[in-house]
Amino acid sequence: MGSRMRFALWNIWALIDKSLELVKVLHRCKINITCIQETKWVDTKDEEIDGYKFSYSGIYRGKNRVGILIEKELVEQVVEVRRKSDRIMFVELFMGS
């Protein structure tokens, strides 16, 4: 029997000073992957936040910006992260046996 995964989508509206609060909710709800929008973070990089890999993309100050949080148990299965813009990101995971 396969394992279950939980996904979430969250419009956070300014992630500044809320990242640890967000991760606490993800741990409590046992969310594996979360896509977030309206982060307001400017840059394009990956960070580790309390057991989650946070990949985000934000080019222009005052614009949308998106991010994806992936729990640490799945990070090794990430094949590719593509940032198309400050509104679109793709994450490819290998979910084989």
PDB file of N, CA and C in Angstrom:
ATOM      1  N   MET A   1       0.841  -1.176   0.000  1.00  0.00           N
ATOM      2  CA  MET A   1       0.000   0.000   0.000  1.00  0.00           C
ATOM      3  C   MET A   1       0.886   1.239   0.000  1.00  0.00           C
ATOM      4  N   GLY A   2       0.535   2.253  -0.768  1.00  0.00           N
ATOM      5  CA  GLY A   2       1.325   3.478  -0.865  1.00  0.00           C
ATOM      6  C   GLY A   2       1.124   4.394   0.334  1.00  0.00           C
ATOM      7  N   SER A   3       2.001   5.369   0.434  1.00  0.00           N
ATOM      8  CA  SER A   3       1.870   6.342   1.516  1.00  0.00           C
ATOM      9  C   SER A   3       1.059   7.543   1.032  1.00  0.00           C
ATOM     10  N   ARG A   4       0.536   8.282   1.968  1.00  0.00           N
ATOM     11  CA  ARG A   4      -0.276   9.453   1.639  1.00  0.00           C
ATOM     12  C   ARG A   4       0.566  10.714   1.676  1.00  0.00           C
ATOM     13  N   MET A   5       0.180  11.668   0.835  1.00  0.00           N
ATOM     14  CA  MET A   5       0.822  12.980   0.839  1.00  0.00           C
ATOM     15  C   MET A   5      -0.260  14.023   1.000  1.00  0.00           C
ATOM     16  N   ARG A   6       0.094  15.084   1.712  1.00  0.00           N
ATOM     17  CA  ARG A   6      -0.837  16.188   1.898  1.00  0.00           C
ATOM     18  C   ARG A   6      -0.262  17.445   1.265  1.00  0.00           C
ATOM     19  N   PHE A   7      -1.084  18.093   0.461  1.00  0.00           N
ATOM     20  CA  PHE A   7      -0.710  19.321  -0.220  1.00  0.00           C
ATOM     21  C   PHE A   7      -1.580  20.466   0.298  1.00  0.00           C
ATOM     22  N   ALA A   8      -1.032  21.659   0.249  1.00  0.00           N
ATOM     23  CA  ALA A   8      -1.807  22.829   0.647  1.00  0.00           C
ATOM     24  C   ALA A   8      -1.454  24.002  -0.262  1.00  0.00           C
ATOM     25  N   LEU A   9      -2.391  24.909  -0.401  1.00  0.00           N
ATOM     26  CA  LEU A   9      -2.193  26.163  -1.114  1.00  0.00           C
ATOM     27  C   LEU A   9      -2.592  27.266  -0.156  1.00  0.00           C
ATOM     28  N   TRP A  10      -1.723  28.272  -0.021  1.00  0.00           N
ATOM     29  CA  TRP A  10      -1.971  29.303   0.979  1.00  0.00           C
ATOM     30  C   TRP A  10      -1.643  30.670   0.403  1.00  0.00           C
ATOM     31  N   ASN A  11      -2.584  31.580   0.491  1.00  0.00           N
ATOM     32  CA  ASN A  11      -2.338  32.973   0.128  1.00  0.00           C
ATOM     33  C   ASN A  11      -1.938  33.679   1.418  1.00  0.00           C
ATOM     34  N   ILE A  12      -0.660  33.812   1.636  1.00  0.00           N
ATOM     35  CA  ILE A  12      -0.120  34.263   2.919  1.00  0.00           C
ATOM     36  C   ILE A  12      -0.141  35.778   3.071  1.00  0.00           C
ATOM     37  N   TRP A  13      -0.169  36.512   2.004  1.00  0.00           N
ATOM     38  CA  TRP A  13      -0.126  37.970   1.965  1.00  0.00           C
ATOM     39  C   TRP A  13       0.935  38.523   2.907  1.00  0.00           C
ATOM     40  N   ALA A  14       2.151  38.484   2.451  1.00  0.00           N
ATOM     41  CA  ALA A  14       3.334  39.002   3.159  1.00  0.00           C
ATOM     42  C   ALA A  14       3.841  37.995   4.185  1.00  0.00           C
ATOM     43  N   LEU A  15       4.768  37.188   3.754  1.00  0.00           N
ATOM     44  CA  LEU A  15       5.358  36.155   4.600  1.00  0.00           C
ATOM     45  C   LEU A  15       6.363  36.719   5.593  1.00  0.00           C
ATOM     46  N   ILE A  16       6.729  37.962   5.444  1.00  0.00           N
ATOM     47  CA  ILE A  16       7.722  38.581   6.319  1.00  0.00           C
ATOM     48  C   ILE A  16       7.295  38.401   7.770  1.00  0.00           C
ATOM     49  N   ASP A  17       8.197  37.864   8.580  1.00  0.00           N
ATOM     50  CA  ASP A  17       7.984  37.613  10.015  1.00  0.00           C
ATOM     51  C   ASP A  17       6.902  36.581  10.310  1.00  0.00           C
ATOM     52  N   LYS A  18       6.453  35.829   9.314  1.00  0.00           N
ATOM     53  CA  LYS A  18       5.425  34.813   9.527  1.00  0.00           C
ATOM     54  C   LYS A  18       5.893  33.417   9.157  1.00  0.00           C
ATOM     55  N   SER A  19       7.132  33.260   8.716  1.00  0.00           N
ATOM     56  CA  SER A  19       7.568  31.963   8.200  1.00  0.00           C
ATOM     57  C   SER A  19       7.547  30.875   9.274  1.00  0.00           C
ATOM     58  N   LEU A  20       7.980  31.171  10.488  1.00  0.00           N
ATOM     59  CA  LEU A  20       7.946  30.154  11.540  1.00  0.00           C
ATOM     60  C   LEU A  20       6.519  29.821  11.959  1.00  0.00           C
ATOM     61  N   GLU A  21       5.654  30.812  11.971  1.00  0.00           N
ATOM     62  CA  GLU A  21       4.243  30.576  12.275  1.00  0.00           C
ATOM     63  C   GLU A  21       3.617  29.670  11.219  1.00  0.00           C
ATOM     64  N   LEU A  22       3.923  29.919   9.956  1.00  0.00           N
ATOM     65  CA  LEU A  22       3.429  29.092   8.860  1.00  0.00           C
ATOM     66  C   LEU A  22       3.907  27.653   9.008  1.00  0.00           C
ATOM     67  N   VAL A  23       5.186  27.460   9.281  1.00  0.00           N
ATOM     68  CA  VAL A  23       5.750  26.110   9.392  1.00  0.00           C
ATOM     69  C   VAL A  23       5.147  25.361  10.581  1.00  0.00           C
ATOM     70  N   LYS A  24       4.857  26.035  11.668  1.00  0.00           N
ATOM     71  CA  LYS A  24       4.198  25.385  12.807  1.00  0.00           C
ATOM     72  C   LYS A  24       2.844  24.819  12.395  1.00  0.00           C
ATOM     73  N   VAL A  25       2.090  25.565  11.609  1.00  0.00           N
ATOM     74  CA  VAL A  25       0.794  25.087  11.118  1.00  0.00           C
ATOM     75  C   VAL A  25       0.993  23.891  10.199  1.00  0.00           C
ATOM     76  N   LEU A  26       2.002  23.942   9.338  1.00  0.00           N
ATOM     77  CA  LEU A  26       2.263  22.826   8.416  1.00  0.00           C
ATOM     78  C   LEU A  26       2.624  21.558   9.177  1.00  0.00           C
ATOM     79  N   HIS A  27       3.450  21.685  10.226  1.00  0.00           N
ATOM     80  CA  HIS A  27       3.790  20.529  11.065  1.00  0.00           C
ATOM     81  C   HIS A  27       2.539  19.970  11.745  1.00  0.00           C
ATOM     82  N   ARG A  28       1.741  20.849  12.319  1.00  0.00           N
ATOM     83  CA  ARG A  28       0.544  20.424  13.052  1.00  0.00           C
ATOM     84  C   ARG A  28      -0.447  19.716  12.126  1.00  0.00           C
ATOM     85  N   CYS A  29      -0.597  20.209  10.910  1.00  0.00           N
ATOM     86  CA  CYS A  29      -1.546  19.618   9.952  1.00  0.00           C
ATOM     87  C   CYS A  29      -0.925  18.516   9.111  1.00  0.00           C
ATOM     88  N   LYS A  30       0.359  18.228   9.326  1.00  0.00           N
ATOM     89  CA  LYS A  30       1.091  17.176   8.602  1.00  0.00           C
ATOM     90  C   LYS A  30       1.050  17.386   7.097  1.00  0.00           C
ATOM     91  N   ILE A  31       1.336  18.631   6.676  1.00  0.00           N
ATOM     92  CA  ILE A  31       1.365  18.985   5.260  1.00  0.00           C
ATOM     93  C   ILE A  31       2.754  18.697   4.709  1.00  0.00           C
ATOM     94  N   ASN A  32       2.826  17.992   3.576  1.00  0.00           N
ATOM     95  CA  ASN A  32       4.107  17.640   2.958  1.00  0.00           C
ATOM     96  C   ASN A  32       4.614  18.723   2.016  1.00  0.00           C
ATOM     97  N   ILE A  33       3.730  19.268   1.207  1.00  0.00           N
ATOM     98  CA  ILE A  33       4.110  20.279   0.219  1.00  0.00           C
ATOM     99  C   ILE A  33       3.084  21.407   0.258  1.00  0.00           C
ATOM    100  N   THR A  34       3.587  22.631   0.300  1.00  0.00           N
ATOM    101  CA  THR A  34       2.709  23.795   0.348  1.00  0.00           C
ATOM    102  C   THR A  34       3.131  24.808  -0.695  1.00  0.00           C
ATOM    103  N   CYS A  35       2.196  25.251  -1.490  1.00  0.00           N
ATOM    104  CA  CYS A  35       2.436  26.328  -2.447  1.00  0.00           C
ATOM    105  C   CYS A  35       1.877  27.602  -1.830  1.00  0.00           C
ATOM    106  N   ILE A  36       2.690  28.640  -1.799  1.00  0.00           N
ATOM    107  CA  ILE A  36       2.223  29.885  -1.206  1.00  0.00           C
ATOM    108  C   ILE A  36       2.344  31.017  -2.216  1.00  0.00           C
ATOM    109  N   GLN A  37       1.458  31.966  -2.072  1.00  0.00           N
ATOM    110  CA  GLN A  37       1.464  33.123  -2.964  1.00  0.00           C
ATOM    111  C   GLN A  37       1.419  34.395  -2.129  1.00  0.00           C
ATOM    112  N   GLU A  38       1.775  35.499  -2.779  1.00  0.00           N
ATOM    113  CA  GLU A  38       1.813  36.808  -2.129  1.00  0.00           C
ATOM    114  C   GLU A  38       2.818  36.834  -0.972  1.00  0.00           C
ATOM    115  N   THR A  39       3.991  36.234  -1.173  1.00  0.00           N
ATOM    116  CA  THR A  39       4.987  36.180  -0.098  1.00  0.00           C
ATOM    117  C   THR A  39       5.599  37.536   0.204  1.00  0.00           C
ATOM    118  N   LYS A  40       5.718  38.382  -0.797  1.00  0.00           N
ATOM    119  CA  LYS A  40       6.348  39.706  -0.703  1.00  0.00           C
ATOM    120  C   LYS A  40       7.857  39.616  -0.473  1.00  0.00           C
ATOM    121  N   TRP A  41       8.466  38.434  -0.635  1.00  0.00           N
ATOM    122  CA  TRP A  41       9.913  38.282  -0.504  1.00  0.00           C
ATOM    123  C   TRP A  41      10.555  38.543  -1.856  1.00  0.00           C
ATOM    124  N   VAL A  42      11.576  39.380  -1.876  1.00  0.00           N
ATOM    125  CA  VAL A  42      12.283  39.703  -3.112  1.00  0.00           C
ATOM    126  C   VAL A  42      13.574  38.901  -3.160  1.00  0.00           C
ATOM    127  N   ASP A  43      13.696  38.031  -4.113  1.00  0.00           N
ATOM    128  CA  ASP A  43      14.905  37.264  -4.391  1.00  0.00           C
ATOM    129  C   ASP A  43      14.479  35.964  -5.053  1.00  0.00           C
ATOM    130  N   THR A  44      15.433  35.202  -5.475  1.00  0.00           N
ATOM    131  CA  THR A  44      15.185  33.902  -6.078  1.00  0.00           C
ATOM    132  C   THR A  44      16.189  32.936  -5.487  1.00  0.00           C
ATOM    133  N   LYS A  45      15.751  32.169  -4.487  1.00  0.00           N
ATOM    134  CA  LYS A  45      16.674  31.226  -3.855  1.00  0.00           C
ATOM    135  C   LYS A  45      15.936  30.181  -3.049  1.00  0.00           C
ATOM    136  N   ASP A  46      16.715  29.326  -2.382  1.00  0.00           N
ATOM    137  CA  ASP A  46      16.193  28.267  -1.523  1.00  0.00           C
ATOM    138  C   ASP A  46      16.712  28.504  -0.109  1.00  0.00           C
ATOM    139  N   GLU A  47      15.857  28.246   0.870  1.00  0.00           N
ATOM    140  CA  GLU A  47      16.241  28.348   2.273  1.00  0.00           C
ATOM    141  C   GLU A  47      15.655  27.169   3.027  1.00  0.00           C
ATOM    142  N   GLU A  48      16.203  26.899   4.204  1.00  0.00           N
ATOM    143  CA  GLU A  48      15.665  25.868   5.077  1.00  0.00           C
ATOM    144  C   GLU A  48      14.969  26.573   6.232  1.00  0.00           C
ATOM    145  N   ILE A  49      13.702  26.207   6.478  1.00  0.00           N
ATOM    146  CA  ILE A  49      12.942  26.788   7.574  1.00  0.00           C
ATOM    147  C   ILE A  49      12.359  25.651   8.402  1.00  0.00           C
ATOM    148  N   ASP A  50      12.950  25.374   9.521  1.00  0.00           N
ATOM    149  CA  ASP A  50      12.442  24.410  10.505  1.00  0.00           C
ATOM    150  C   ASP A  50      11.935  23.107   9.887  1.00  0.00           C
ATOM    151  N   GLY A  51      12.775  22.441   9.113  1.00  0.00           N
ATOM    152  CA  GLY A  51      12.413  21.150   8.549  1.00  0.00           C
ATOM    153  C   GLY A  51      11.761  21.194   7.178  1.00  0.00           C
ATOM    154  N   TYR A  52      11.642  22.359   6.589  1.00  0.00           N
ATOM    155  CA  TYR A  52      11.093  22.501   5.249  1.00  0.00           C
ATOM    156  C   TYR A  52      12.093  23.233   4.365  1.00  0.00           C
ATOM    157  N   LYS A  53      12.168  22.803   3.108  1.00  0.00           N
ATOM    158  CA  LYS A  53      12.940  23.552   2.122  1.00  0.00           C
ATOM    159  C   LYS A  53      11.986  24.555   1.489  1.00  0.00           C
ATOM    160  N   PHE A  54      12.382  25.823   1.514  1.00  0.00           N
ATOM    161  CA  PHE A  54      11.545  26.890   0.979  1.00  0.00           C
ATOM    162  C   PHE A  54      12.225  27.444  -0.258  1.00  0.00           C
ATOM    163  N   SER A  55      11.633  27.190  -1.419  1.00  0.00           N
ATOM    164  CA  SER A  55      12.100  27.740  -2.690  1.00  0.00           C
ATOM    165  C   SER A  55      11.143  28.848  -3.065  1.00  0.00           C
ATOM    166  N   TYR A  56      11.691  30.013  -3.391  1.00  0.00           N
ATOM    167  CA  TYR A  56      10.806  31.115  -3.742  1.00  0.00           C
ATOM    168  C   TYR A  56      11.356  31.946  -4.876  1.00  0.00           C
ATOM    169  N   SER A  57      10.467  32.727  -5.455  1.00  0.00           N
ATOM    170  CA  SER A  57      10.800  33.561  -6.594  1.00  0.00           C
ATOM    171  C   SER A  57      10.054  34.876  -6.476  1.00  0.00           C
ATOM    172  N   GLY A  58      10.813  35.956  -6.425  1.00  0.00           N
ATOM    173  CA  GLY A  58      10.219  37.281  -6.368  1.00  0.00           C
ATOM    174  C   GLY A  58      11.168  38.269  -7.002  1.00  0.00           C
ATOM    175  N   ILE A  59      10.756  38.874  -8.069  1.00  0.00           N
ATOM    176  CA  ILE A  59      11.644  39.740  -8.831  1.00  0.00           C
ATOM    177  C   ILE A  59      11.427  41.208  -8.491  1.00  0.00           C
ATOM    178  N   TYR A  60      10.186  41.638  -8.463  1.00  0.00           N
ATOM    179  CA  TYR A  60       9.884  43.057  -8.300  1.00  0.00           C
ATOM    180  C   TYR A  60       9.308  43.352  -6.918  1.00  0.00           C
ATOM    181  N   ARG A  61       9.802  44.405  -6.303  1.00  0.00           N
ATOM    182  CA  ARG A  61       9.270  44.836  -5.009  1.00  0.00           C
ATOM    183  C   ARG A  61       7.820  45.280  -5.182  1.00  0.00           C
ATOM    184  N   GLY A  62       6.955  44.846  -4.269  1.00  0.00           N
ATOM    185  CA  GLY A  62       5.556  45.240  -4.325  1.00  0.00           C
ATOM    186  C   GLY A  62       4.694  44.386  -5.236  1.00  0.00           C
ATOM    187  N   LYS A  63       5.262  43.333  -5.811  1.00  0.00           N
ATOM    188  CA  LYS A  63       4.492  42.444  -6.682  1.00  0.00           C
ATOM    189  C   LYS A  63       4.176  41.141  -5.947  1.00  0.00           C
ATOM    190  N   ASN A  64       3.669  40.162  -6.671  1.00  0.00           N
ATOM    191  CA  ASN A  64       3.095  38.950  -6.093  1.00  0.00           C
ATOM    192  C   ASN A  64       4.079  38.054  -5.337  1.00  0.00           C
ATOM    193  N   ARG A  65       4.973  37.431  -6.029  1.00  0.00           N
ATOM    194  CA  ARG A  65       5.943  36.494  -5.490  1.00  0.00           C
ATOM    195  C   ARG A  65       5.307  35.196  -4.997  1.00  0.00           C
ATOM    196  N   VAL A  66       5.930  34.085  -5.353  1.00  0.00           N
ATOM    197  CA  VAL A  66       5.430  32.764  -4.998  1.00  0.00           C
ATOM    198  C   VAL A  66       6.529  31.941  -4.337  1.00  0.00           C
ATOM    199  N   GLY A  67       6.114  30.890  -3.653  1.00  0.00           N
ATOM    200  CA  GLY A  67       7.066  29.998  -3.021  1.00  0.00           C
ATOM    201  C   GLY A  67       6.474  28.617  -2.838  1.00  0.00           C
ATOM    202  N   ILE A  68       7.356  27.646  -2.630  1.00  0.00           N
ATOM    203  CA  ILE A  68       6.937  26.277  -2.381  1.00  0.00           C
ATOM    204  C   ILE A  68       7.739  25.755  -1.213  1.00  0.00           C
ATOM    205  N   LEU A  69       7.045  25.209  -0.216  1.00  0.00           N
ATOM    206  CA  LEU A  69       7.691  24.576   0.933  1.00  0.00           C
ATOM    207  C   LEU A  69       7.551  23.074   0.788  1.00  0.00           C
ATOM    208  N   ILE A  70       8.681  22.361   0.916  1.00  0.00           N
ATOM    209  CA  ILE A  70       8.699  20.905   0.796  1.00  0.00           C
ATOM    210  C   ILE A  70       9.333  20.352   2.059  1.00  0.00           C
ATOM    211  N   GLU A  71       8.665  19.401   2.715  1.00  0.00           N
ATOM    212  CA  GLU A  71       9.218  18.857   3.947  1.00  0.00           C
ATOM    213  C   GLU A  71      10.539  18.143   3.678  1.00  0.00           C
ATOM    214  N   LYS A  72      11.391  18.116   4.694  1.00  0.00           N
ATOM    215  CA  LYS A  72      12.758  17.618   4.515  1.00  0.00           C
ATOM    216  C   LYS A  72      12.819  16.168   4.038  1.00  0.00           C
ATOM    217  N   GLU A  73      11.820  15.343   4.367  1.00  0.00           N
ATOM    218  CA  GLU A  73      11.831  13.944   3.933  1.00  0.00           C
ATOM    219  C   GLU A  73      11.679  13.812   2.413  1.00  0.00           C
ATOM    220  N   LEU A  74      11.151  14.830   1.763  1.00  0.00           N
ATOM    221  CA  LEU A  74      10.953  14.791   0.316  1.00  0.00           C
ATOM    222  C   LEU A  74      12.007  15.563  -0.473  1.00  0.00           C
ATOM    223  N   VAL A  75      12.853  16.312   0.195  1.00  0.00           N
ATOM    224  CA  VAL A  75      13.821  17.182  -0.485  1.00  0.00           C
ATOM    225  C   VAL A  75      14.732  16.395  -1.410  1.00  0.00           C
ATOM    226  N   GLU A  76      15.142  15.208  -1.012  1.00  0.00           N
ATOM    227  CA  GLU A  76      16.038  14.398  -1.851  1.00  0.00           C
ATOM    228  C   GLU A  76      15.351  13.910  -3.122  1.00  0.00           C
ATOM    229  N   GLN A  77      14.024  13.975  -3.156  1.00  0.00           N
ATOM    230  CA  GLN A  77      13.283  13.537  -4.332  1.00  0.00           C
ATOM    231  C   GLN A  77      13.033  14.680  -5.324  1.00  0.00           C
ATOM    232  N   VAL A  78      13.473  15.879  -4.987  1.00  0.00           N
ATOM    233  CA  VAL A  78      13.307  17.013  -5.896  1.00  0.00           C
ATOM    234  C   VAL A  78      14.288  16.863  -7.049  1.00  0.00           C
ATOM    235  N   VAL A  79      13.763  16.781  -8.246  1.00  0.00           N
ATOM    236  CA  VAL A  79      14.570  16.652  -9.451  1.00  0.00           C
ATOM    237  C   VAL A  79      14.949  18.028  -9.981  1.00  0.00           C
ATOM    238  N   GLU A  80      13.975  18.947  -9.964  1.00  0.00           N
ATOM    239  CA  GLU A  80      14.216  20.260 -10.549  1.00  0.00           C
ATOM    240  C   GLU A  80      13.244  21.279  -9.967  1.00  0.00           C
ATOM    241  N   VAL A  81      13.740  22.496  -9.797  1.00  0.00           N
ATOM    242  CA  VAL A  81      12.906  23.644  -9.442  1.00  0.00           C
ATOM    243  C   VAL A  81      13.094  24.669 -10.547  1.00  0.00           C
ATOM    244  N   ARG A  82      11.997  25.028 -11.218  1.00  0.00           N
ATOM    245  CA  ARG A  82      12.060  26.036 -12.286  1.00  0.00           C
ATOM    246  C   ARG A  82      11.221  27.237 -11.888  1.00  0.00           C
ATOM    247  N   ARG A  83      11.859  28.378 -11.914  1.00  0.00           N
ATOM    248  CA  ARG A  83      11.164  29.619 -11.612  1.00  0.00           C
ATOM    249  C   ARG A  83      10.886  30.343 -12.923  1.00  0.00           C
ATOM    250  N   LYS A  84       9.623  30.399 -13.295  1.00  0.00           N
ATOM    251  CA  LYS A  84       9.252  31.044 -14.561  1.00  0.00           C
ATOM    252  C   LYS A  84       9.106  32.552 -14.390  1.00  0.00           C
ATOM    253  N   SER A  85       8.594  32.983 -13.247  1.00  0.00           N
ATOM    254  CA  SER A  85       8.376  34.408 -12.993  1.00  0.00           C
ATOM    255  C   SER A  85       8.105  34.570 -11.501  1.00  0.00           C
ATOM    256  N   ASP A  86       7.679  35.760 -11.105  1.00  0.00           N
ATOM    257  CA  ASP A  86       7.312  35.940  -9.703  1.00  0.00           C
ATOM    258  C   ASP A  86       5.893  35.453  -9.425  1.00  0.00           C
ATOM    259  N   ARG A  87       5.283  34.786 -10.419  1.00  0.00           N
ATOM    260  CA  ARG A  87       3.947  34.216 -10.258  1.00  0.00           C
ATOM    261  C   ARG A  87       3.886  32.718 -10.513  1.00  0.00           C
ATOM    262  N   ILE A  88       4.891  32.163 -11.191  1.00  0.00           N
ATOM    263  CA  ILE A  88       4.835  30.753 -11.582  1.00  0.00           C
ATOM    264  C   ILE A  88       6.141  30.050 -11.243  1.00  0.00           C
ATOM    265  N   MET A  89       6.016  28.911 -10.551  1.00  0.00           N
ATOM    266  CA  MET A  89       7.149  28.022 -10.264  1.00  0.00           C
ATOM    267  C   MET A  89       6.713  26.585 -10.540  1.00  0.00           C
ATOM    268  N   PHE A  90       7.685  25.769 -10.920  1.00  0.00           N
ATOM    269  CA  PHE A  90       7.466  24.339 -11.109  1.00  0.00           C
ATOM    270  C   PHE A  90       8.450  23.579 -10.233  1.00  0.00           C
ATOM    271  N   VAL A  91       7.971  22.530  -9.597  1.00  0.00           N
ATOM    272  CA  VAL A  91       8.843  21.634  -8.856  1.00  0.00           C
ATOM    273  C   VAL A  91       8.561  20.237  -9.365  1.00  0.00           C
ATOM    274  N   GLU A  92       9.619  19.552  -9.781  1.00  0.00           N
ATOM    275  CA  GLU A  92       9.494  18.192 -10.248  1.00  0.00           C
ATOM    276  C   GLU A  92      10.064  17.268  -9.191  1.00  0.00           C
ATOM    277  N   LEU A  93       9.249  16.270  -8.772  1.00  0.00           N
ATOM    278  CA  LEU A  93       9.651  15.292  -7.764  1.00  0.00           C
ATOM    279  C   LEU A  93       9.692  13.906  -8.384  1.00  0.00           C
ATOM    280  N   PHE A  94      10.655  13.095  -7.980  1.00  0.00           N
ATOM    281  CA  PHE A  94      10.705  11.705  -8.379  1.00  0.00           C
ATOM    282  C   PHE A  94       9.997  10.905  -7.286  1.00  0.00           C
ATOM    283  N   MET A  95       8.900  10.261  -7.649  1.00  0.00           N
ATOM    284  CA  MET A  95       8.094   9.538  -6.660  1.00  0.00           C
ATOM    285  C   MET A  95       8.064   8.041  -6.965  1.00  0.00           C
ATOM    286  N   GLY A  96       9.186   7.507  -7.416  1.00  0.00           N
ATOM    287  CA  GLY A  96       9.263   6.093  -7.750  1.00  0.00           C
ATOM    288  C   GLY A  96       9.397   5.220  -6.510  1.00  0.00           C
ATOM    289  N   SER A  97       9.498   3.926  -6.735  1.00  0.00           N
ATOM    290  CA  SER A  97       9.632   2.995  -5.611  1.00  0.00           C
ATOM    291  C   SER A  97      11.065   2.602  -5.376  1.00  0.00           C
TER     292      SER A  97
END
